[in-house]
């Protein structure tokens, strides 16, 4: 049966970054079949053959160990050599696998709730792109006789290999580039919750001379979304900062490839703002980011080449790689969730940070913290050096993707009239521009923006807004959420 049929039958499809679905739908059989299809695609590209190592790792969701075993079973079935890297950050896995030139996969649902999970596939030297996903869908994956029961559970005993410790190399990457005293004198809270890189982040802070204060470690999985910060997490950061002893608070999402950084007052920075600060610090000549990211990037003027893409790291990777190929270097990319990507090496102060063309949470946070320290200011003052543009986002949960797409398509047929009907026009003024790169992004005459887009990872409708003041952005976001809530009522 072809992978496309497996996806149709299971409901586990490709999202913006890998295959995602309900844990109940991600049976051992489905995960095994997807891994077989993935390896067959790589074989067609000359990146996999019997005996090829395939690195695997996972996050801290309860379902992750089971799915990992199913993936390892598939690798062994295809005569590959599974290299288990443990429960570590996605970028640490990629750093290891890319350096050794072999494929890797990460079992993670990123920021989505624990009733869902996913598998992120990587090629030998970079992310799995949309063209790879399309090719994989056409390939057959047949289950070996006797390996699964009638419910798709693996019945052949499969144990994960002894873990290979890849964390030291990941920590050393940042110590070598920034230096052992880069964070000296800073006391940094590390909100650990259930992020797979929670202890790694403490190691990084200490390796660069900072004092790490672990906070909020959880035993159960918490879905921290760096684009839609939970009210509980906003309150926690303010409470921790109230003591006056922390210079900043750091955390990540579940698989630790998306950052979340708060200033000394406990205010979480937006990921796209963090991306601008990091790109400026690294001296980027070309910056690629999705269409939803803050337009302060263009207004800052430091990058001579700015590229806007659809949302999802594969699109960012493709565009920033194209820029690098055109000789516009350093070439970097970032997403509105804060994940930062390097298409090329970064030379600075006699040191070189090697390219890592996948989302990383550590790099942008370090760039901002080191920049603020060098200038003798806090993070809030550093953010204040950017043009005053403020983005916010939220999501309408349990909104079927098909309905979101249908409603957006209807609105896109006559966006000016639709914006009036939903109450957008009364707030931001006449509609000036519509961008259909990804979802429906409406720019109004006064420069304010409302962007509607179905999530690629879960049944959610994302609402992004941008305005000249934080208060105005908050009001605009409420307008957007209230307006699209009407759609949910019709479901």
Protein backbone atom coordinates (compact mmCIF):
# COMPACT_ATOMS: atom_id res chain seq x y z
CA UNK A 1 0.00 0.00 0.00
CA UNK A 2 1.34 3.44 -0.90
CA UNK A 3 2.18 5.94 1.84
CA UNK A 4 -0.54 8.25 0.49
CA UNK A 5 -3.09 5.50 1.20
CA UNK A 6 -1.64 4.93 4.67
CA UNK A 7 -2.16 8.64 5.33
CA UNK A 8 -5.72 8.63 4.05
CA UNK A 9 -6.69 5.58 6.08
CA UNK A 10 -4.96 6.63 9.32
CA UNK A 11 -5.57 10.37 9.21
CA UNK A 12 -1.88 10.90 10.04
CA UNK A 13 -0.71 13.33 7.36
CA UNK A 14 2.20 15.65 6.72
CA UNK A 15 1.91 19.02 8.43
CA UNK A 16 4.26 21.99 8.29
CA UNK A 17 7.06 19.89 9.77
CA UNK A 18 6.72 16.12 9.46
CA UNK A 19 3.87 13.70 9.95
CA UNK A 20 1.50 14.52 12.81
CA UNK A 21 -1.63 12.93 14.21
CA UNK A 22 -3.54 11.60 17.17
CA UNK A 23 -1.59 9.08 19.22
CA UNK A 24 -4.44 6.62 18.75
CA UNK A 25 -4.05 6.95 14.98
CA UNK A 26 -0.27 6.68 15.08
CA UNK A 27 -0.26 2.94 15.58
CA UNK A 28 2.97 0.98 15.45
CA UNK A 29 2.00 -0.22 11.98
CA UNK A 30 1.48 3.32 10.67
CA UNK A 31 4.77 4.57 12.12
CA UNK A 32 6.59 1.51 10.76
CA UNK A 33 5.11 2.04 7.29
CA UNK A 34 6.04 5.74 7.23
CA UNK A 35 9.61 4.95 8.23
CA UNK A 36 9.85 2.33 5.50
CA UNK A 37 8.55 4.84 2.94
CA UNK A 38 11.03 7.43 4.20
CA UNK A 39 13.98 5.07 3.87
CA UNK A 40 12.88 3.90 0.43
CA UNK A 41 12.79 7.51 -0.71
CA UNK A 42 16.29 8.05 0.66
CA UNK A 43 17.44 4.89 -1.08
CA UNK A 44 16.21 6.35 -4.37
CA UNK A 45 18.33 9.42 -3.65
CA UNK A 46 21.41 7.36 -2.80
CA UNK A 47 21.32 8.36 0.89
CA UNK A 48 20.32 4.98 2.32
CA UNK A 49 21.36 1.39 1.73
CA UNK A 50 21.69 -1.73 3.92
CA UNK A 51 24.15 -0.94 6.70
CA UNK A 52 23.49 2.82 6.67
CA UNK A 53 23.25 4.36 10.17
CA UNK A 54 19.97 6.17 10.90
CA UNK A 55 19.90 8.40 13.98
CA UNK A 56 16.71 8.52 16.05
CA UNK A 57 15.64 10.52 19.10
CA UNK A 58 12.46 11.64 20.80
CA UNK A 59 10.75 14.10 23.12
CA UNK A 60 9.19 13.46 26.55
CA UNK A 61 5.62 12.61 25.52
CA UNK A 62 4.28 9.36 27.00
CA UNK A 63 3.74 7.89 23.51
CA UNK A 64 7.24 8.66 22.23
CA UNK A 65 9.09 5.50 23.39
CA UNK A 66 6.50 3.26 21.72
CA UNK A 67 6.71 5.14 18.43
CA UNK A 68 10.50 5.11 18.59
CA UNK A 69 10.46 1.31 18.85
CA UNK A 70 8.22 1.09 15.78
CA UNK A 71 10.62 3.32 13.84
CA UNK A 72 13.63 1.30 14.98
CA UNK A 73 11.83 -1.87 13.90
CA UNK A 74 11.39 -0.40 10.43
CA UNK A 75 15.04 0.63 10.20
CA UNK A 76 16.12 -2.90 11.11
CA UNK A 77 13.61 -4.38 8.66
CA UNK A 78 15.23 -2.25 5.95
CA UNK A 79 18.66 -3.48 7.12
CA UNK A 80 19.74 -0.08 8.39
CA UNK A 81 21.66 0.51 11.63
CA UNK A 82 19.61 2.49 14.18
CA UNK A 83 21.61 4.95 16.28
CA UNK A 84 19.55 5.91 19.32
CA UNK A 85 20.52 9.38 20.51
CA UNK A 86 18.19 9.40 23.50
CA UNK A 87 15.63 11.98 24.49
CA UNK A 88 17.33 15.13 23.28
CA UNK A 89 16.55 18.37 21.39
CA UNK A 90 15.75 18.08 17.70
CA UNK A 91 18.61 20.44 16.72
CA UNK A 92 21.08 18.34 18.73
CA UNK A 93 19.98 15.26 16.78
CA UNK A 94 20.32 17.13 13.49
CA UNK A 95 23.74 18.53 14.40
CA UNK A 96 24.99 15.01 15.07
CA UNK A 97 23.42 13.37 12.02
CA UNK A 98 24.31 16.14 9.55
CA UNK A 99 27.91 16.10 10.77
CA UNK A 100 28.14 12.35 10.15
CA UNK A 101 26.21 12.48 6.88
CA UNK A 102 23.47 10.04 7.74
CA UNK A 103 19.66 10.27 7.95
CA UNK A 104 17.77 10.99 11.14
CA UNK A 105 14.25 11.14 12.48
CA UNK A 106 12.79 12.76 15.56
CA UNK A 107 9.66 11.46 17.27
CA UNK A 108 7.93 14.60 18.50
CA UNK A 109 4.68 16.48 18.42
CA UNK A 110 6.53 19.72 19.18
CA UNK A 111 4.15 22.10 20.99
CA UNK A 112 0.84 20.30 20.44
CA UNK A 113 -0.98 18.44 23.26
CA UNK A 114 0.15 15.01 24.46
CA UNK A 115 -2.76 13.23 22.81
CA UNK A 116 -0.92 13.87 19.55
CA UNK A 117 2.57 13.08 18.33
CA UNK A 118 4.58 13.07 15.15
CA UNK A 119 7.69 12.03 13.26
CA UNK A 120 10.03 14.59 11.76
CA UNK A 121 12.20 13.10 9.01
CA UNK A 122 15.58 14.47 7.91
CA UNK A 123 17.82 13.74 4.98
CA UNK A 124 21.53 13.08 5.42
CA UNK A 125 22.55 16.74 5.31
CA UNK A 126 19.36 18.72 5.75
CA UNK A 127 15.64 18.80 6.42
CA UNK A 128 13.07 16.75 4.58
CA UNK A 129 11.58 19.23 2.10
CA UNK A 130 8.10 19.35 0.59
CA UNK A 131 9.42 17.72 -2.59
CA UNK A 132 10.66 14.83 -0.46
CA UNK A 133 7.26 14.47 1.18
CA UNK A 134 5.56 14.36 -2.23
CA UNK A 135 7.94 11.66 -3.48
CA UNK A 136 7.55 9.60 -0.28
CA UNK A 137 3.76 9.56 -0.67
CA UNK A 138 4.08 7.61 -3.93
CA UNK A 139 6.11 4.75 -2.44
CA UNK A 140 4.83 1.40 -1.20
CA UNK A 141 5.19 0.15 2.37
CA UNK A 142 4.20 -3.41 3.18
CA UNK A 143 4.15 -4.82 6.70
CA UNK A 144 6.17 -8.01 7.26
CA UNK A 145 4.07 -11.05 8.17
CA UNK A 146 3.66 -11.70 11.88
CA UNK A 147 5.12 -8.44 13.11
CA UNK A 148 1.84 -6.71 14.06
CA UNK A 149 -1.47 -7.72 15.61
CA UNK A 150 -4.91 -6.88 14.23
CA UNK A 151 -4.83 -3.47 15.93
CA UNK A 152 -1.50 -2.48 14.41
CA UNK A 153 0.55 -3.07 17.58
CA UNK A 154 4.10 -4.35 17.18
CA UNK A 155 4.34 -7.88 18.57
CA UNK A 156 7.98 -8.58 17.68
CA UNK A 157 10.18 -7.66 20.67
CA UNK A 158 12.20 -4.58 19.73
CA UNK A 159 14.48 -2.78 22.17
CA UNK A 160 15.99 0.64 21.63
CA UNK A 161 19.78 0.52 21.20
CA UNK A 162 22.11 1.79 23.91
CA UNK A 163 21.98 5.61 23.73
CA UNK A 164 24.77 7.57 22.03
CA UNK A 165 25.50 10.76 23.98
CA UNK A 166 25.31 13.63 21.51
CA UNK A 167 24.67 16.45 23.99
CA UNK A 168 28.35 17.40 24.67
CA UNK A 169 28.91 18.31 21.01
CA UNK A 170 25.77 20.44 20.98
CA UNK A 171 26.84 22.37 24.09
CA UNK A 172 30.41 22.71 22.80
CA UNK A 173 29.08 24.28 19.58
CA UNK A 174 27.94 27.38 21.49
CA UNK A 175 30.80 27.54 23.94
CA UNK A 176 33.28 27.53 21.03
CA UNK A 177 31.49 30.33 19.16
CA UNK A 178 30.38 32.65 21.97
CA UNK A 179 33.17 31.90 24.44
CA UNK A 180 33.20 30.54 28.01
CA UNK A 181 32.49 33.97 29.53
CA UNK A 182 29.75 35.13 27.14
CA UNK A 183 27.05 34.99 29.84
CA UNK A 184 29.29 35.79 32.80
CA UNK A 185 27.51 37.86 35.43
CA UNK A 186 24.03 36.90 34.22
CA UNK A 187 21.56 34.97 36.36
CA UNK A 188 19.14 33.20 34.05
CA UNK A 189 16.00 31.32 34.95
CA UNK A 190 15.43 28.15 32.95
CA UNK A 191 11.74 27.24 32.77
CA UNK A 192 12.02 23.50 32.38
CA UNK A 193 8.38 22.27 32.22
CA UNK A 194 8.50 19.11 30.03
CA UNK A 195 10.87 20.32 27.31
CA UNK A 196 13.23 17.59 26.19
CA UNK A 197 16.13 20.05 26.29
CA UNK A 198 15.41 21.35 29.78
CA UNK A 199 18.66 20.03 31.28
CA UNK A 200 20.65 20.74 28.13
CA UNK A 201 19.67 24.41 28.37
CA UNK A 202 21.04 24.56 31.90
CA UNK A 203 24.31 23.04 30.63
CA UNK A 204 24.56 25.63 27.84
CA UNK A 205 24.03 28.56 30.23
CA UNK A 206 26.66 27.25 32.62
CA UNK A 207 29.12 26.42 29.81
CA UNK A 208 29.00 30.08 28.76
CA UNK A 209 29.65 31.35 32.29
CA UNK A 210 26.10 32.20 33.34
CA UNK A 211 24.24 31.13 36.48
CA UNK A 212 21.26 28.90 35.67
CA UNK A 213 18.25 28.71 37.99
CA UNK A 214 15.97 25.77 37.07
CA UNK A 215 12.27 26.60 37.39
CA UNK A 216 8.92 24.85 36.98
CA UNK A 217 10.06 21.32 36.17
CA UNK A 218 7.03 19.14 35.40
CA UNK A 219 6.44 15.40 35.51
CA UNK A 220 3.63 15.40 32.96
CA UNK A 221 3.73 16.84 29.43
CA UNK A 222 2.86 20.54 29.06
CA UNK A 223 2.15 21.83 25.52
CA UNK A 224 4.14 25.07 25.49
CA UNK A 225 3.50 26.90 22.23
CA UNK A 226 6.01 29.70 21.62
CA UNK A 227 3.59 31.45 19.24
CA UNK A 228 0.60 31.34 21.60
CA UNK A 229 1.90 31.65 25.15
CA UNK A 230 -0.50 30.21 27.70
CA UNK A 231 -1.82 32.65 30.32
CA UNK A 232 -0.36 30.33 32.96
CA UNK A 233 3.13 30.69 31.48
CA UNK A 234 2.80 34.46 31.23
CA UNK A 235 1.86 34.57 34.92
CA UNK A 236 4.69 32.23 35.92
CA UNK A 237 7.29 34.39 34.19
CA UNK A 238 6.04 37.54 35.90
CA UNK A 239 6.04 35.81 39.29
CA UNK A 240 9.58 34.48 38.85
CA UNK A 241 10.82 37.87 37.66
CA UNK A 242 9.19 39.69 40.56
CA UNK A 243 12.01 38.58 42.87
CA UNK A 244 14.37 40.86 40.97
CA UNK A 245 17.22 38.34 40.82
CA UNK A 246 16.83 37.11 37.23
CA UNK A 247 18.25 38.89 34.18
CA UNK A 248 16.09 36.80 31.85
CA UNK A 249 14.10 33.55 31.65
CA UNK A 250 14.70 30.93 28.97
CA UNK A 251 12.63 28.00 27.80
CA UNK A 252 11.70 26.04 24.67
CA UNK A 253 8.83 24.05 23.23
CA UNK A 254 8.52 20.28 23.67
CA UNK A 255 11.31 19.17 21.33
CA UNK A 256 13.44 22.24 22.10
CA UNK A 257 13.78 23.64 18.60
CA UNK A 258 11.66 26.75 19.27
CA UNK A 259 12.74 29.32 21.88
CA UNK A 260 10.89 31.48 24.36
CA UNK A 261 12.84 34.22 26.12
CA UNK A 262 11.57 36.65 28.76
CA UNK A 263 13.18 39.90 29.88
CA UNK A 264 13.97 40.83 33.49
CA UNK A 265 10.34 41.79 34.09
CA UNK A 266 9.02 38.45 32.90
CA UNK A 267 7.70 39.64 29.54
CA UNK A 268 8.05 36.93 26.90
CA UNK A 269 9.59 38.17 23.65
CA UNK A 270 7.90 37.28 20.39
CA UNK A 271 9.77 34.70 18.35
CA UNK A 272 9.90 36.88 15.24
CA UNK A 273 11.36 39.76 17.26
CA UNK A 274 13.97 37.39 18.66
CA UNK A 275 14.72 36.28 15.11
CA UNK A 276 15.42 39.85 14.01
CA UNK A 277 17.75 40.43 16.97
CA UNK A 278 19.64 37.21 16.21
CA UNK A 279 19.93 37.88 12.47
CA UNK A 280 21.23 41.41 13.17
CA UNK A 281 23.72 40.14 15.77
CA UNK A 282 25.07 37.55 13.31
CA UNK A 283 25.44 40.09 10.52
CA UNK A 284 23.12 38.30 8.11
CA UNK A 285 23.14 39.51 4.51
CA UNK A 286 20.09 37.43 3.58
CA UNK A 287 17.18 36.70 5.91
CA UNK A 288 14.35 34.31 5.08
CA UNK A 289 11.21 34.20 7.17
CA UNK A 290 7.54 33.28 6.68
CA UNK A 291 5.00 35.84 5.59
CA UNK A 292 3.54 35.92 9.12
CA UNK A 293 6.67 37.35 10.75
CA UNK A 294 7.04 40.93 12.01
CA UNK A 295 7.71 43.51 9.29
CA UNK A 296 10.20 45.29 11.57
CA UNK A 297 12.69 43.07 9.73
CA UNK A 298 12.39 45.09 6.53
CA UNK A 299 12.14 48.37 8.44
CA UNK A 300 15.40 47.59 10.31
CA UNK A 301 17.31 47.67 7.01
CA UNK A 302 20.37 45.64 8.06
CA UNK A 303 19.79 42.77 5.58
CA UNK A 304 20.17 43.54 1.89
CA UNK A 305 18.07 40.51 0.92
CA UNK A 306 14.77 39.55 2.63
CA UNK A 307 12.72 36.57 1.46
CA UNK A 308 9.18 35.74 2.62
CA UNK A 309 7.79 32.21 2.42
CA UNK A 310 4.91 30.01 3.44
CA UNK A 311 4.90 28.92 7.08
CA UNK A 312 7.00 25.85 7.85
CA UNK A 313 10.73 25.23 8.15
CA UNK A 314 10.97 23.30 4.82
CA UNK A 315 9.91 26.46 2.98
CA UNK A 316 12.38 28.59 4.93
CA UNK A 317 15.18 26.07 4.30
CA UNK A 318 14.51 26.03 0.58
CA UNK A 319 14.53 29.83 0.25
CA UNK A 320 17.55 30.51 2.45
CA UNK A 321 19.49 27.77 0.64
CA UNK A 322 18.63 29.46 -2.63
CA UNK A 323 20.00 32.75 -1.26
CA UNK A 324 23.20 31.02 -0.19
CA UNK A 325 23.51 29.49 -3.65
CA UNK A 326 23.25 32.98 -5.10
CA UNK A 327 26.20 34.04 -2.97
CA UNK A 328 24.22 36.23 -0.55
CA UNK A 329 25.93 35.27 2.69
CA UNK A 330 25.65 34.89 5.59
CA UNK A 331 22.23 33.43 4.84
CA UNK A 332 19.92 32.75 7.79
CA UNK A 333 16.27 32.07 8.40
CA UNK A 334 13.83 32.16 11.27
CA UNK A 335 10.17 31.48 11.95
CA UNK A 336 7.56 33.39 13.93
CA UNK A 337 7.86 30.66 16.56
CA UNK A 338 11.49 31.75 17.09
CA UNK A 339 13.22 28.71 15.58
CA UNK A 340 16.43 29.93 13.92
CA UNK A 341 18.21 28.31 10.96
CA UNK A 342 21.66 28.75 9.42
CA UNK A 343 22.14 28.05 5.72
CA UNK A 344 25.79 29.07 5.84
CA UNK A 345 28.63 29.30 8.32
CA UNK A 346 28.81 32.45 10.45
CA UNK A 347 32.29 33.97 10.88
CA UNK A 348 32.63 36.39 13.79
CA UNK A 349 35.54 37.61 15.92
CA UNK A 350 37.88 34.96 14.58
CA UNK A 351 35.43 32.14 15.33
CA UNK A 352 33.08 30.28 13.02
CA UNK A 353 29.65 28.87 13.80
CA UNK A 354 28.95 26.09 11.36
CA UNK A 355 25.74 25.98 9.35
CA UNK A 356 22.77 24.15 10.85
CA UNK A 357 19.86 24.26 8.39
CA UNK A 358 17.14 23.28 10.84
CA UNK A 359 15.28 25.07 13.63
CA UNK A 360 17.35 25.78 16.72
CA UNK A 361 16.13 27.30 19.99
CA UNK A 362 19.47 27.95 21.69
CA UNK A 363 21.18 30.19 19.12
CA UNK A 364 18.67 33.09 18.98
CA UNK A 365 18.39 33.29 22.76
CA UNK A 366 22.17 33.41 23.14
CA UNK A 367 22.48 36.07 20.43
CA UNK A 368 20.00 38.33 22.22
CA UNK A 369 21.49 37.78 25.67
CA UNK A 370 25.07 38.32 24.50
CA UNK A 371 24.10 41.42 22.52
CA UNK A 372 22.33 42.93 25.53
CA UNK A 373 25.29 42.14 27.79
CA UNK A 374 27.80 43.68 25.37
CA UNK A 375 25.76 46.87 25.14
CA UNK A 376 25.29 47.01 28.89
CA UNK A 377 21.51 46.95 28.62
CA UNK A 378 18.72 44.52 29.36
CA UNK A 379 16.65 42.64 26.82
CA UNK A 380 13.84 45.19 26.96
CA UNK A 381 16.19 47.99 25.94
CA UNK A 382 17.63 45.83 23.15
CA UNK A 383 14.15 45.19 21.76
CA UNK A 384 13.57 48.95 21.96
CA UNK A 385 16.24 49.49 19.31
CA UNK A 386 13.96 47.90 16.69
CA UNK A 387 11.29 49.78 14.71
CA UNK A 388 8.02 49.84 16.69
CA UNK A 389 6.02 47.01 15.15
CA UNK A 390 4.22 44.56 17.43
CA UNK A 391 2.92 41.11 16.52
CA UNK A 392 0.62 38.82 18.46
CA UNK A 393 -1.01 35.52 17.63
CA UNK A 394 -3.56 33.15 19.07
CA UNK A 395 -5.49 30.11 17.93
CA UNK A 396 -9.06 28.96 17.76
CA UNK A 397 -8.78 25.40 19.03
CA UNK A 398 -10.82 22.39 17.92
CA UNK A 399 -11.56 24.06 14.61
CA UNK A 400 -11.61 21.45 11.81
CA UNK A 401 -8.95 22.23 9.22
CA UNK A 402 -11.30 21.61 6.30
CA UNK A 403 -13.81 24.11 7.68
CA UNK A 404 -11.10 26.72 8.29
CA UNK A 405 -9.91 26.31 4.71
CA UNK A 406 -13.44 26.59 3.34
CA UNK A 407 -14.20 29.73 5.37
CA UNK A 408 -10.91 31.37 4.39
CA UNK A 409 -11.52 30.51 0.74
CA UNK A 410 -14.96 32.09 0.97
CA UNK A 411 -13.55 35.19 2.63
CA UNK A 412 -10.75 35.37 0.05
CA UNK A 413 -13.26 35.54 -2.78
CA UNK A 414 -14.16 39.06 -1.72
CA UNK A 415 -11.88 40.01 1.18
CA UNK A 416 -12.92 43.66 1.35
CA UNK A 417 -16.58 42.80 1.74
CA UNK A 418 -15.78 39.86 4.02
CA UNK A 419 -13.62 42.02 6.26
CA UNK A 420 -16.55 44.37 6.74
CA UNK A 421 -18.91 41.48 7.50
CA UNK A 422 -16.57 40.03 10.13
CA UNK A 423 -16.00 43.40 11.77
CA UNK A 424 -12.38 43.89 10.69
CA UNK A 425 -12.92 47.05 8.68
CA UNK A 426 -14.55 48.98 11.53
CA UNK A 427 -11.37 48.57 13.52
CA UNK A 428 -8.35 48.92 11.22
CA UNK A 429 -9.73 50.94 8.31
CA UNK A 430 -9.97 50.17 4.60
CA UNK A 431 -8.35 47.04 3.20
CA UNK A 432 -5.17 47.93 1.27
CA UNK A 433 -3.51 44.62 0.35
CA UNK A 434 -4.19 40.88 0.42
CA UNK A 435 -1.46 38.22 0.47
CA UNK A 436 -2.41 34.58 -0.23
CA UNK A 437 1.07 33.12 0.22
CA UNK A 438 -0.17 31.09 3.19
CA UNK A 439 -3.74 31.53 4.35
CA UNK A 440 -5.19 35.03 4.05
CA UNK A 441 -3.09 37.98 5.19
CA UNK A 442 -4.94 41.29 5.09
CA UNK A 443 -3.06 44.58 5.35
CA UNK A 444 -5.20 47.63 6.06
CA UNK A 445 -4.67 51.25 5.03
CA UNK A 446 -3.18 52.22 8.38
CA UNK A 447 -0.58 49.42 8.17
CA UNK A 448 -2.30 47.03 10.58
CA UNK A 449 -2.39 43.37 9.63
CA UNK A 450 -4.72 40.43 10.30
CA UNK A 451 -3.58 37.05 9.01
CA UNK A 452 -5.81 33.95 9.13
CA UNK A 453 -4.32 30.51 8.58
CA UNK A 454 -5.28 26.91 9.43
CA UNK A 455 -2.56 25.18 11.45
CA UNK A 456 -0.62 22.52 9.59
CA UNK A 457 -0.19 20.42 12.74
CA UNK A 458 -3.55 20.37 14.54
CA UNK A 459 -7.25 21.26 14.09
CA UNK A 460 -6.68 24.91 14.94
CA UNK A 461 -7.17 28.21 13.17
CA UNK A 462 -4.26 30.58 13.71
CA UNK A 463 -4.81 34.33 13.90
CA UNK A 464 -1.77 36.61 13.55
CA UNK A 465 -1.89 40.40 13.91
CA UNK A 466 0.54 43.31 13.65
CA UNK A 467 0.22 46.95 14.73
CA UNK A 468 2.32 49.93 15.84
CA UNK A 469 1.70 49.52 19.60
CA UNK A 470 1.30 46.48 21.84
CA UNK A 471 -2.06 47.76 23.05
CA UNK A 472 -3.33 48.11 19.51
CA UNK A 473 -2.04 44.64 18.61
CA UNK A 474 -3.89 43.16 21.59
CA UNK A 475 -7.13 44.87 20.57
CA UNK A 476 -6.68 43.74 16.98
CA UNK A 477 -6.09 40.14 18.06
CA UNK A 478 -9.29 40.18 20.08
CA UNK A 479 -11.11 41.51 17.02
CA UNK A 480 -9.68 38.70 14.91
CA UNK A 481 -10.45 35.90 17.37
CA UNK A 482 -13.96 37.18 18.03
CA UNK A 483 -14.63 37.39 14.30
CA UNK A 484 -13.49 33.87 13.40
CA UNK A 485 -15.23 32.39 16.44
CA UNK A 486 -18.39 32.84 14.40
CA UNK A 487 -17.04 30.19 12.04
CA UNK A 488 -16.62 27.70 14.86
CA UNK A 489 -20.20 28.25 15.97
CA UNK A 490 -21.27 27.13 12.50
CA UNK A 491 -19.31 23.86 12.72
